N, C-alpha and C. Protein backbone atom coordinates (compact mmCIF):
# COMPACT_ATOMS: atom_id res chain seq x y z
N ILE A 1 11.67 14.44 -1.63
CA ILE A 1 12.92 13.93 -2.13
C ILE A 1 13.06 14.40 -3.57
N PRO A 2 13.88 15.38 -3.83
CA PRO A 2 14.08 15.80 -5.22
C PRO A 2 14.70 14.65 -6.02
N LEU A 3 14.25 14.49 -7.22
CA LEU A 3 14.73 13.41 -8.07
C LEU A 3 15.75 13.95 -9.06
N PRO A 4 16.66 13.09 -9.53
CA PRO A 4 17.57 13.54 -10.58
C PRO A 4 16.78 14.01 -11.80
N ALA A 5 17.35 14.92 -12.55
CA ALA A 5 16.67 15.48 -13.72
C ALA A 5 16.07 14.37 -14.57
N SER A 6 14.83 14.53 -14.92
CA SER A 6 14.05 13.64 -15.77
C SER A 6 13.97 12.20 -15.24
N ALA A 7 14.26 12.00 -13.97
CA ALA A 7 14.14 10.65 -13.40
C ALA A 7 12.70 10.41 -12.97
N GLN A 8 12.28 9.18 -13.12
CA GLN A 8 10.96 8.74 -12.65
C GLN A 8 11.19 7.63 -11.65
N ILE A 9 10.40 7.64 -10.60
CA ILE A 9 10.43 6.52 -9.68
C ILE A 9 9.04 5.91 -9.62
N MET A 10 9.01 4.60 -9.42
CA MET A 10 7.73 3.93 -9.25
C MET A 10 7.40 3.96 -7.76
N LEU A 11 6.19 4.37 -7.44
CA LEU A 11 5.73 4.31 -6.07
C LEU A 11 5.59 2.83 -5.69
N PRO A 12 5.36 2.51 -4.41
CA PRO A 12 5.21 1.09 -4.07
C PRO A 12 4.24 0.40 -5.03
N PRO A 13 4.53 -0.86 -5.40
CA PRO A 13 3.69 -1.55 -6.39
C PRO A 13 2.21 -1.47 -6.03
N ILE A 14 1.40 -1.25 -7.03
CA ILE A 14 -0.05 -1.07 -6.84
C ILE A 14 -0.65 -2.28 -6.13
N SER A 15 -0.08 -3.46 -6.32
CA SER A 15 -0.60 -4.67 -5.69
C SER A 15 -0.40 -4.67 -4.17
N THR A 16 0.41 -3.73 -3.65
CA THR A 16 0.64 -3.64 -2.19
C THR A 16 -0.21 -2.55 -1.54
N TRP A 17 -0.98 -1.81 -2.33
CA TRP A 17 -1.79 -0.73 -1.77
C TRP A 17 -2.98 -1.31 -1.00
N LYS A 18 -3.53 -0.53 -0.09
CA LYS A 18 -4.66 -0.98 0.72
C LYS A 18 -5.96 -0.84 -0.08
N VAL A 19 -6.65 -1.96 -0.20
CA VAL A 19 -7.94 -1.99 -0.89
C VAL A 19 -9.04 -1.99 0.17
N ALA A 20 -10.07 -1.20 -0.04
CA ALA A 20 -11.18 -1.11 0.91
C ALA A 20 -11.84 -2.47 1.08
N SER A 21 -12.33 -2.73 2.28
CA SER A 21 -12.95 -4.03 2.58
C SER A 21 -14.22 -4.28 1.75
N TYR A 22 -14.88 -3.22 1.29
CA TYR A 22 -16.11 -3.36 0.53
C TYR A 22 -15.86 -3.43 -0.98
N ALA A 23 -14.58 -3.43 -1.39
CA ALA A 23 -14.24 -3.51 -2.82
C ALA A 23 -13.66 -4.90 -3.12
N ARG A 24 -13.90 -5.36 -4.33
CA ARG A 24 -13.34 -6.63 -4.78
C ARG A 24 -12.08 -6.33 -5.58
N GLU A 25 -11.00 -7.05 -5.28
CA GLU A 25 -9.70 -6.82 -5.90
C GLU A 25 -9.24 -8.07 -6.64
N GLN A 26 -8.67 -7.86 -7.82
CA GLN A 26 -8.07 -8.96 -8.56
C GLN A 26 -6.81 -8.43 -9.24
N VAL A 27 -5.68 -9.09 -9.00
CA VAL A 27 -4.44 -8.69 -9.67
C VAL A 27 -4.43 -9.35 -11.04
N GLU A 28 -4.28 -8.52 -12.07
CA GLU A 28 -4.30 -9.00 -13.46
C GLU A 28 -2.91 -9.48 -13.87
N GLY A 29 -2.84 -10.24 -14.95
CA GLY A 29 -1.57 -10.76 -15.46
C GLY A 29 -0.57 -9.68 -15.83
N ASN A 30 -1.07 -8.49 -16.18
CA ASN A 30 -0.18 -7.38 -16.55
C ASN A 30 0.28 -6.58 -15.34
N GLY A 31 -0.06 -7.03 -14.13
CA GLY A 31 0.36 -6.34 -12.91
C GLY A 31 -0.62 -5.28 -12.44
N GLN A 32 -1.60 -4.95 -13.27
CA GLN A 32 -2.59 -3.98 -12.84
C GLN A 32 -3.53 -4.61 -11.83
N VAL A 33 -4.12 -3.77 -10.98
CA VAL A 33 -5.09 -4.24 -10.01
C VAL A 33 -6.48 -3.85 -10.50
N HIS A 34 -7.36 -4.84 -10.59
CA HIS A 34 -8.74 -4.62 -11.04
C HIS A 34 -9.60 -4.47 -9.79
N ILE A 35 -10.25 -3.32 -9.65
CA ILE A 35 -11.09 -3.01 -8.50
C ILE A 35 -12.54 -2.91 -8.95
N THR A 36 -13.42 -3.61 -8.26
CA THR A 36 -14.85 -3.47 -8.47
C THR A 36 -15.46 -3.08 -7.13
N GLY A 37 -16.02 -1.88 -7.07
CA GLY A 37 -16.60 -1.40 -5.83
C GLY A 37 -18.05 -1.81 -5.68
N THR A 38 -18.64 -1.41 -4.57
CA THR A 38 -20.07 -1.59 -4.36
C THR A 38 -20.75 -0.29 -4.77
N PRO A 39 -22.05 -0.31 -5.04
CA PRO A 39 -22.72 0.93 -5.45
C PRO A 39 -22.52 2.04 -4.41
N SER A 40 -21.93 3.13 -4.85
CA SER A 40 -21.67 4.27 -3.95
C SER A 40 -21.46 5.53 -4.78
N LYS A 41 -21.46 6.64 -4.09
CA LYS A 41 -21.13 7.92 -4.74
C LYS A 41 -19.64 8.23 -4.58
N TYR A 42 -19.13 8.15 -3.35
CA TYR A 42 -17.77 8.63 -3.08
C TYR A 42 -17.02 7.78 -2.07
N PHE A 43 -16.97 6.47 -2.21
CA PHE A 43 -16.19 5.62 -1.29
C PHE A 43 -14.76 5.49 -1.79
N ARG A 44 -13.82 5.55 -0.85
CA ARG A 44 -12.41 5.33 -1.19
C ARG A 44 -12.24 3.84 -1.51
N GLN A 45 -11.56 3.53 -2.64
CA GLN A 45 -11.41 2.15 -3.10
C GLN A 45 -10.02 1.57 -2.85
N ILE A 46 -8.98 2.37 -3.09
CA ILE A 46 -7.60 1.88 -2.95
C ILE A 46 -6.72 3.07 -2.57
N THR A 47 -5.76 2.82 -1.65
CA THR A 47 -4.92 3.90 -1.13
C THR A 47 -3.47 3.42 -1.01
N SER A 48 -2.55 4.27 -1.42
CA SER A 48 -1.13 3.95 -1.32
C SER A 48 -0.65 4.06 0.12
N PRO A 49 0.52 3.49 0.38
CA PRO A 49 1.16 3.80 1.66
C PRO A 49 1.56 5.28 1.67
N VAL A 50 1.97 5.78 2.82
CA VAL A 50 2.47 7.15 2.91
C VAL A 50 3.82 7.22 2.18
N ILE A 51 4.01 8.28 1.38
CA ILE A 51 5.21 8.46 0.57
C ILE A 51 5.89 9.75 1.01
N ASN A 52 7.17 9.67 1.32
CA ASN A 52 7.93 10.87 1.69
C ASN A 52 8.33 11.64 0.44
N VAL A 53 8.11 12.95 0.49
CA VAL A 53 8.45 13.84 -0.63
C VAL A 53 9.09 15.11 -0.06
N SER A 54 9.62 15.94 -0.93
CA SER A 54 10.18 17.22 -0.50
C SER A 54 9.05 18.24 -0.39
N PRO A 55 9.03 19.00 0.71
CA PRO A 55 7.99 20.03 0.83
C PRO A 55 8.21 21.14 -0.19
N ASP A 56 7.11 21.78 -0.58
CA ASP A 56 7.15 22.92 -1.49
C ASP A 56 7.88 22.59 -2.79
N HIS A 57 7.55 21.43 -3.33
CA HIS A 57 8.20 20.92 -4.53
C HIS A 57 7.13 20.54 -5.54
N CYS A 58 7.43 20.69 -6.81
CA CYS A 58 6.50 20.33 -7.87
C CYS A 58 6.82 18.94 -8.40
N TYR A 59 5.78 18.10 -8.46
CA TYR A 59 5.91 16.73 -8.95
C TYR A 59 4.89 16.46 -10.05
N VAL A 60 5.16 15.41 -10.83
CA VAL A 60 4.22 14.90 -11.83
C VAL A 60 3.95 13.44 -11.47
N ILE A 61 2.69 13.07 -11.52
CA ILE A 61 2.29 11.69 -11.25
C ILE A 61 1.60 11.16 -12.50
N SER A 62 1.82 9.87 -12.80
CA SER A 62 1.16 9.27 -13.97
C SER A 62 0.94 7.78 -13.70
N PHE A 63 -0.08 7.24 -14.35
CA PHE A 63 -0.41 5.82 -14.17
C PHE A 63 -1.33 5.35 -15.29
N PRO A 64 -1.24 4.05 -15.63
CA PRO A 64 -2.19 3.50 -16.60
C PRO A 64 -3.51 3.18 -15.92
N LEU A 65 -4.60 3.38 -16.64
CA LEU A 65 -5.93 3.21 -16.07
C LEU A 65 -6.87 2.71 -17.16
N VAL A 66 -7.69 1.72 -16.83
CA VAL A 66 -8.76 1.26 -17.71
C VAL A 66 -10.06 1.40 -16.93
N MET A 67 -10.99 2.17 -17.49
CA MET A 67 -12.30 2.37 -16.85
C MET A 67 -13.32 1.45 -17.52
N HIS A 68 -13.97 0.60 -16.70
CA HIS A 68 -15.00 -0.30 -17.22
C HIS A 68 -16.40 0.22 -16.93
N GLN A 69 -16.57 0.87 -15.77
CA GLN A 69 -17.90 1.33 -15.37
C GLN A 69 -17.76 2.43 -14.33
N GLY A 70 -18.68 3.39 -14.36
CA GLY A 70 -18.72 4.44 -13.35
C GLY A 70 -17.61 5.45 -13.51
N GLY A 71 -17.28 6.12 -12.40
CA GLY A 71 -16.26 7.14 -12.43
C GLY A 71 -15.38 7.05 -11.20
N ILE A 72 -14.20 7.69 -11.29
CA ILE A 72 -13.28 7.72 -10.16
C ILE A 72 -12.73 9.13 -9.97
N ASP A 73 -12.23 9.37 -8.79
CA ASP A 73 -11.48 10.57 -8.44
C ASP A 73 -10.12 10.09 -7.98
N ALA A 74 -9.08 10.34 -8.79
CA ALA A 74 -7.71 10.02 -8.40
C ALA A 74 -7.19 11.21 -7.60
N GLN A 75 -6.81 10.96 -6.35
CA GLN A 75 -6.48 12.03 -5.43
C GLN A 75 -5.04 11.95 -4.95
N ILE A 76 -4.44 13.11 -4.77
CA ILE A 76 -3.19 13.24 -4.02
C ILE A 76 -3.62 13.84 -2.69
N ILE A 77 -3.22 13.19 -1.60
CA ILE A 77 -3.68 13.59 -0.27
C ILE A 77 -2.48 13.94 0.61
N ASP A 78 -2.64 14.96 1.45
CA ASP A 78 -1.70 15.23 2.54
C ASP A 78 -2.22 14.41 3.72
N PRO A 79 -1.55 13.29 4.06
CA PRO A 79 -2.09 12.40 5.10
C PRO A 79 -2.06 13.01 6.50
N ASN A 80 -1.18 13.96 6.73
CA ASN A 80 -1.08 14.57 8.07
C ASN A 80 -2.23 15.54 8.32
N ALA A 81 -2.63 16.26 7.29
CA ALA A 81 -3.74 17.22 7.41
C ALA A 81 -5.06 16.59 6.96
N ASN A 82 -4.99 15.38 6.38
CA ASN A 82 -6.16 14.70 5.82
C ASN A 82 -6.92 15.61 4.86
N LYS A 83 -6.17 16.23 3.94
CA LYS A 83 -6.80 17.10 2.95
C LYS A 83 -6.24 16.80 1.57
N GLY A 84 -7.07 17.07 0.58
CA GLY A 84 -6.67 16.84 -0.79
C GLY A 84 -5.72 17.91 -1.30
N ILE A 85 -4.73 17.48 -2.08
CA ILE A 85 -3.81 18.40 -2.75
C ILE A 85 -4.22 18.56 -4.20
N ARG A 86 -4.68 17.46 -4.82
CA ARG A 86 -5.09 17.48 -6.22
C ARG A 86 -6.10 16.37 -6.46
N ASN A 87 -7.11 16.64 -7.25
CA ASN A 87 -8.13 15.66 -7.64
C ASN A 87 -8.24 15.66 -9.15
N GLU A 88 -8.34 14.47 -9.73
CA GLU A 88 -8.58 14.31 -11.16
C GLU A 88 -9.69 13.30 -11.34
N TYR A 89 -10.69 13.64 -12.14
CA TYR A 89 -11.86 12.78 -12.33
C TYR A 89 -11.78 12.10 -13.69
N VAL A 90 -12.11 10.80 -13.72
CA VAL A 90 -12.09 10.02 -14.95
C VAL A 90 -13.35 9.15 -14.96
N TYR A 91 -13.98 9.04 -16.14
CA TYR A 91 -15.24 8.30 -16.25
C TYR A 91 -15.19 7.29 -17.38
N ALA A 92 -15.96 6.22 -17.22
CA ALA A 92 -16.09 5.20 -18.27
C ALA A 92 -17.10 5.67 -19.31
N PHE A 93 -16.81 5.40 -20.57
CA PHE A 93 -17.73 5.72 -21.65
C PHE A 93 -18.11 4.46 -22.42
N SER A 94 -17.11 3.72 -22.93
CA SER A 94 -17.40 2.55 -23.76
C SER A 94 -17.34 1.24 -22.98
N GLY A 95 -16.75 1.27 -21.80
CA GLY A 95 -16.64 0.04 -21.00
C GLY A 95 -15.23 -0.52 -20.93
N SER A 96 -14.35 -0.07 -21.78
CA SER A 96 -12.93 -0.48 -21.73
C SER A 96 -12.07 0.70 -22.14
N ASP A 97 -12.34 1.84 -21.53
CA ASP A 97 -11.65 3.09 -21.89
C ASP A 97 -10.27 3.13 -21.26
N GLN A 98 -9.25 3.25 -22.10
CA GLN A 98 -7.88 3.28 -21.62
C GLN A 98 -7.39 4.72 -21.50
N TYR A 99 -6.83 5.02 -20.34
CA TYR A 99 -6.31 6.36 -20.06
C TYR A 99 -4.89 6.22 -19.51
N HIS A 100 -4.17 7.31 -19.53
CA HIS A 100 -2.88 7.40 -18.84
C HIS A 100 -2.80 8.80 -18.22
N PRO A 101 -3.57 9.01 -17.13
CA PRO A 101 -3.58 10.34 -16.52
C PRO A 101 -2.18 10.76 -16.08
N THR A 102 -1.85 11.99 -16.37
CA THR A 102 -0.58 12.60 -15.96
C THR A 102 -0.90 14.00 -15.49
N TYR A 103 -0.56 14.29 -14.25
CA TYR A 103 -0.84 15.65 -13.77
C TYR A 103 0.16 16.11 -12.72
N ARG A 104 0.23 17.43 -12.61
CA ARG A 104 1.18 18.09 -11.71
C ARG A 104 0.52 18.41 -10.39
N PHE A 105 1.36 18.46 -9.35
CA PHE A 105 0.89 18.94 -8.05
C PHE A 105 2.08 19.47 -7.28
N LYS A 106 1.81 20.35 -6.33
CA LYS A 106 2.85 20.94 -5.50
C LYS A 106 2.62 20.53 -4.05
N THR A 107 3.70 20.14 -3.39
CA THR A 107 3.63 19.69 -2.00
C THR A 107 3.82 20.89 -1.06
N THR A 108 2.92 21.83 -1.14
CA THR A 108 3.01 23.05 -0.33
C THR A 108 2.86 22.71 1.15
N GLY A 109 3.94 22.88 1.91
CA GLY A 109 3.89 22.70 3.35
C GLY A 109 3.77 21.28 3.84
N THR A 110 3.98 20.28 2.97
CA THR A 110 3.90 18.89 3.43
C THR A 110 5.10 18.10 2.92
N SER A 111 5.50 17.11 3.69
CA SER A 111 6.63 16.26 3.28
C SER A 111 6.18 14.82 3.08
N GLN A 112 4.86 14.59 3.09
CA GLN A 112 4.32 13.26 2.84
C GLN A 112 3.05 13.37 2.01
N ILE A 113 2.84 12.36 1.15
CA ILE A 113 1.61 12.28 0.37
C ILE A 113 1.09 10.84 0.40
N GLN A 114 -0.16 10.70 0.01
CA GLN A 114 -0.74 9.41 -0.34
C GLN A 114 -1.50 9.61 -1.63
N VAL A 115 -1.60 8.54 -2.41
CA VAL A 115 -2.41 8.53 -3.61
C VAL A 115 -3.60 7.64 -3.32
N SER A 116 -4.78 8.11 -3.68
CA SER A 116 -6.00 7.36 -3.40
C SER A 116 -6.92 7.42 -4.61
N VAL A 117 -7.71 6.37 -4.78
CA VAL A 117 -8.73 6.37 -5.82
C VAL A 117 -10.07 6.16 -5.13
N THR A 118 -10.98 7.10 -5.38
CA THR A 118 -12.30 7.11 -4.77
C THR A 118 -13.35 7.03 -5.88
N ASP A 119 -14.47 6.38 -5.59
CA ASP A 119 -15.59 6.44 -6.53
C ASP A 119 -15.95 7.89 -6.79
N SER A 120 -16.44 8.18 -7.97
CA SER A 120 -16.99 9.49 -8.28
C SER A 120 -18.23 9.28 -9.14
N ASN A 121 -19.34 9.08 -8.46
CA ASN A 121 -20.63 8.86 -9.11
C ASN A 121 -21.62 9.86 -8.51
N PRO A 122 -21.55 11.14 -8.92
CA PRO A 122 -22.28 12.20 -8.22
C PRO A 122 -23.80 12.17 -8.34
N ILE A 123 -24.35 11.58 -9.38
CA ILE A 123 -25.80 11.60 -9.58
C ILE A 123 -26.50 10.63 -8.64
N GLU A 124 -26.03 9.39 -8.62
CA GLU A 124 -26.62 8.37 -7.76
C GLU A 124 -25.56 7.31 -7.49
N PRO A 125 -25.71 6.53 -6.40
CA PRO A 125 -24.75 5.47 -6.13
C PRO A 125 -24.64 4.51 -7.32
N ALA A 126 -23.43 4.19 -7.70
CA ALA A 126 -23.19 3.28 -8.82
C ALA A 126 -21.90 2.52 -8.55
N VAL A 127 -21.70 1.45 -9.29
CA VAL A 127 -20.48 0.66 -9.19
C VAL A 127 -19.40 1.32 -10.03
N SER A 128 -18.23 1.50 -9.43
CA SER A 128 -17.04 1.91 -10.19
C SER A 128 -16.18 0.67 -10.37
N ASP A 129 -15.81 0.42 -11.61
CA ASP A 129 -15.06 -0.78 -11.97
C ASP A 129 -13.90 -0.32 -12.84
N PHE A 130 -12.68 -0.56 -12.37
CA PHE A 130 -11.51 -0.03 -13.08
C PHE A 130 -10.29 -0.89 -12.81
N GLU A 131 -9.28 -0.74 -13.68
CA GLU A 131 -7.96 -1.36 -13.49
C GLU A 131 -6.95 -0.23 -13.42
N ILE A 132 -6.06 -0.31 -12.43
CA ILE A 132 -5.02 0.71 -12.27
C ILE A 132 -3.66 0.03 -12.20
N GLY A 133 -2.70 0.64 -12.88
CA GLY A 133 -1.33 0.10 -12.89
C GLY A 133 -0.44 0.87 -11.95
N ASN A 134 0.84 0.50 -11.96
CA ASN A 134 1.79 1.14 -11.07
C ASN A 134 1.90 2.63 -11.34
N VAL A 135 2.04 3.38 -10.26
CA VAL A 135 2.05 4.84 -10.32
C VAL A 135 3.49 5.33 -10.34
N MET A 136 3.76 6.25 -11.25
CA MET A 136 5.11 6.81 -11.41
C MET A 136 5.11 8.26 -10.91
N LEU A 137 6.22 8.65 -10.30
CA LEU A 137 6.39 10.00 -9.76
C LEU A 137 7.67 10.59 -10.34
N SER A 138 7.61 11.84 -10.78
CA SER A 138 8.81 12.53 -11.28
C SER A 138 8.73 14.00 -10.93
N ASP A 139 9.85 14.69 -11.03
CA ASP A 139 9.87 16.13 -10.84
C ASP A 139 9.16 16.81 -12.00
N CYS A 140 8.60 17.97 -11.76
CA CYS A 140 8.02 18.74 -12.87
C CYS A 140 9.12 19.13 -13.83
N PRO A 141 8.78 19.14 -15.11
CA PRO A 141 9.78 19.53 -16.11
C PRO A 141 10.12 21.01 -15.99
């Protein structure tokens, strides 16, 4: 769905996304969802519903993120092919690291996406603990 010039849309509220059964979820007062996983290397923690988009289109995605422990892989997925379109890795350093990841991706050959956050602890299983806010989608500038 091409968006009007410089328009941003909010994807379904983060509080409605599917949280893995092995993760602990708490909705914070600011609307962010606080996820605490179990020790793992690469378990999926939270996943958006399927989102319809225009095929072969460039989009920008952005969201507020606070990393408390471990690392994550924020993924854009083609749900029909079950393959990644884009991965971005973010890690905790001080225990309350605030980020606002913003990155581009192209929907080559797909008209649907999902956004997912997976643990990323490549050395050994560890707890990933983070807060994620609502995800915004816009056309590439």
